Amino acid sequence: PAKYLPELQKINYKGVTGNIVFDPKGDIKDGTLTLYTYKGGKREQLAVVK
């Protein structure tokens, strides 16, 4: 962590889904998580968490 956390903080990448930026702990800033389940072989969205 002492080596890679400072490097993660330098990342500011404009991706297809939005900007990719990390906080001092190495967590993605303003990240979104989409949860899915599968029922009867079909994907079903459960929730979108920001």
N, C-alpha and C. Protein backbone atom coordinates (compact mmCIF):
# COMPACT_ATOMS: atom_id res chain seq x y z
N PRO A 1 0.81 -1.22 0.00
CA PRO A 1 0.00 0.00 0.00
C PRO A 1 0.84 1.28 0.00
N ALA A 2 1.97 1.25 0.68
CA ALA A 2 2.81 2.45 0.73
C ALA A 2 3.30 2.85 -0.66
N LYS A 3 3.45 1.87 -1.55
CA LYS A 3 3.92 2.15 -2.90
C LYS A 3 2.79 2.44 -3.88
N TYR A 4 1.69 1.66 -3.81
CA TYR A 4 0.68 1.82 -4.85
C TYR A 4 -0.40 2.85 -4.53
N LEU A 5 -0.70 3.12 -3.26
CA LEU A 5 -1.74 4.11 -2.95
C LEU A 5 -1.41 5.51 -3.48
N PRO A 6 -0.17 5.99 -3.34
CA PRO A 6 0.14 7.30 -3.92
C PRO A 6 -0.02 7.31 -5.45
N GLU A 7 0.25 6.18 -6.09
CA GLU A 7 0.10 6.11 -7.55
C GLU A 7 -1.37 6.10 -7.95
N LEU A 8 -2.22 5.41 -7.18
CA LEU A 8 -3.65 5.40 -7.48
C LEU A 8 -4.24 6.80 -7.42
N GLN A 9 -3.77 7.60 -6.48
CA GLN A 9 -4.29 8.96 -6.32
C GLN A 9 -3.97 9.84 -7.51
N LYS A 10 -3.00 9.46 -8.33
CA LYS A 10 -2.63 10.24 -9.51
C LYS A 10 -3.55 9.95 -10.70
N ILE A 11 -4.30 8.86 -10.62
CA ILE A 11 -5.15 8.46 -11.75
C ILE A 11 -6.38 9.36 -11.84
N ASN A 12 -6.60 9.88 -13.03
CA ASN A 12 -7.81 10.64 -13.34
C ASN A 12 -8.12 10.33 -14.80
N TYR A 13 -8.88 9.26 -15.01
CA TYR A 13 -9.12 8.73 -16.34
C TYR A 13 -10.58 8.94 -16.73
N LYS A 14 -10.80 9.50 -17.90
CA LYS A 14 -12.16 9.69 -18.40
C LYS A 14 -12.55 8.44 -19.17
N GLY A 15 -13.33 7.56 -18.54
CA GLY A 15 -13.75 6.31 -19.16
C GLY A 15 -15.14 6.40 -19.76
N VAL A 16 -15.58 5.33 -20.35
CA VAL A 16 -16.90 5.26 -20.98
C VAL A 16 -18.01 5.47 -19.95
N THR A 17 -17.82 4.95 -18.76
CA THR A 17 -18.85 5.05 -17.72
C THR A 17 -18.69 6.27 -16.83
N GLY A 18 -17.69 7.09 -17.07
CA GLY A 18 -17.45 8.28 -16.27
C GLY A 18 -15.99 8.37 -15.86
N ASN A 19 -15.69 9.36 -15.03
CA ASN A 19 -14.31 9.54 -14.57
C ASN A 19 -13.93 8.46 -13.56
N ILE A 20 -12.71 7.99 -13.68
CA ILE A 20 -12.17 7.01 -12.74
C ILE A 20 -11.10 7.72 -11.93
N VAL A 21 -11.40 7.94 -10.64
CA VAL A 21 -10.53 8.66 -9.72
C VAL A 21 -10.57 7.91 -8.39
N PHE A 22 -9.43 7.86 -7.69
CA PHE A 22 -9.34 7.14 -6.42
C PHE A 22 -9.09 8.11 -5.27
N ASP A 23 -9.60 7.75 -4.08
CA ASP A 23 -9.37 8.56 -2.88
C ASP A 23 -8.07 8.10 -2.20
N PRO A 24 -7.64 8.78 -1.13
CA PRO A 24 -6.38 8.42 -0.47
C PRO A 24 -6.32 6.98 0.08
N LYS A 25 -7.47 6.35 0.30
CA LYS A 25 -7.49 4.96 0.79
C LYS A 25 -7.45 3.94 -0.34
N GLY A 26 -7.52 4.43 -1.60
CA GLY A 26 -7.51 3.51 -2.73
C GLY A 26 -8.89 3.12 -3.21
N ASP A 27 -9.93 3.72 -2.63
CA ASP A 27 -11.30 3.43 -3.05
C ASP A 27 -11.67 4.35 -4.21
N ILE A 28 -12.48 3.84 -5.13
CA ILE A 28 -12.89 4.67 -6.25
C ILE A 28 -13.87 5.74 -5.77
N LYS A 29 -13.67 6.96 -6.24
CA LYS A 29 -14.55 8.07 -5.84
C LYS A 29 -15.82 8.04 -6.67
N ASP A 30 -16.95 8.28 -6.01
CA ASP A 30 -18.25 8.36 -6.68
C ASP A 30 -18.54 7.14 -7.55
N GLY A 31 -18.15 5.99 -7.06
CA GLY A 31 -18.38 4.75 -7.80
C GLY A 31 -19.83 4.31 -7.73
N THR A 32 -20.25 3.56 -8.71
CA THR A 32 -21.60 3.01 -8.75
C THR A 32 -21.49 1.50 -8.86
N LEU A 33 -22.34 0.82 -8.12
CA LEU A 33 -22.37 -0.64 -8.13
C LEU A 33 -23.77 -1.08 -8.53
N THR A 34 -23.86 -1.93 -9.55
CA THR A 34 -25.14 -2.46 -9.98
C THR A 34 -25.18 -3.93 -9.61
N LEU A 35 -26.22 -4.32 -8.87
CA LEU A 35 -26.37 -5.70 -8.41
C LEU A 35 -27.40 -6.42 -9.27
N TYR A 36 -27.05 -7.62 -9.71
CA TYR A 36 -27.93 -8.43 -10.54
C TYR A 36 -28.13 -9.80 -9.90
N THR A 37 -29.22 -10.46 -10.26
CA THR A 37 -29.45 -11.85 -9.91
C THR A 37 -29.94 -12.54 -11.18
N TYR A 38 -29.95 -13.83 -11.17
CA TYR A 38 -30.44 -14.59 -12.30
C TYR A 38 -31.61 -15.46 -11.84
N LYS A 39 -32.73 -15.32 -12.54
CA LYS A 39 -33.93 -16.12 -12.25
C LYS A 39 -34.41 -16.73 -13.56
N GLY A 40 -34.56 -18.03 -13.56
CA GLY A 40 -35.01 -18.71 -14.76
C GLY A 40 -34.09 -18.50 -15.95
N GLY A 41 -32.79 -18.33 -15.67
CA GLY A 41 -31.82 -18.15 -16.74
C GLY A 41 -31.76 -16.74 -17.30
N LYS A 42 -32.52 -15.81 -16.70
CA LYS A 42 -32.52 -14.42 -17.18
C LYS A 42 -31.96 -13.51 -16.10
N ARG A 43 -31.18 -12.52 -16.55
CA ARG A 43 -30.59 -11.56 -15.63
C ARG A 43 -31.63 -10.53 -15.22
N GLU A 44 -31.67 -10.26 -13.92
CA GLU A 44 -32.62 -9.30 -13.37
C GLU A 44 -31.86 -8.33 -12.45
N GLN A 45 -32.04 -7.04 -12.68
CA GLN A 45 -31.35 -6.04 -11.87
C GLN A 45 -32.02 -5.92 -10.51
N LEU A 46 -31.20 -5.98 -9.45
CA LEU A 46 -31.72 -5.85 -8.09
C LEU A 46 -31.67 -4.42 -7.60
N ALA A 47 -30.51 -3.75 -7.80
CA ALA A 47 -30.35 -2.39 -7.26
C ALA A 47 -29.14 -1.73 -7.90
N VAL A 48 -29.17 -0.40 -7.86
CA VAL A 48 -28.02 0.41 -8.25
C VAL A 48 -27.65 1.22 -7.03
N VAL A 49 -26.42 1.04 -6.54
CA VAL A 49 -25.95 1.69 -5.31
C VAL A 49 -24.87 2.68 -5.69
N LYS A 50 -25.01 3.91 -5.24
CA LYS A 50 -24.01 4.94 -5.52
C LYS A 50 -23.23 5.25 -4.29
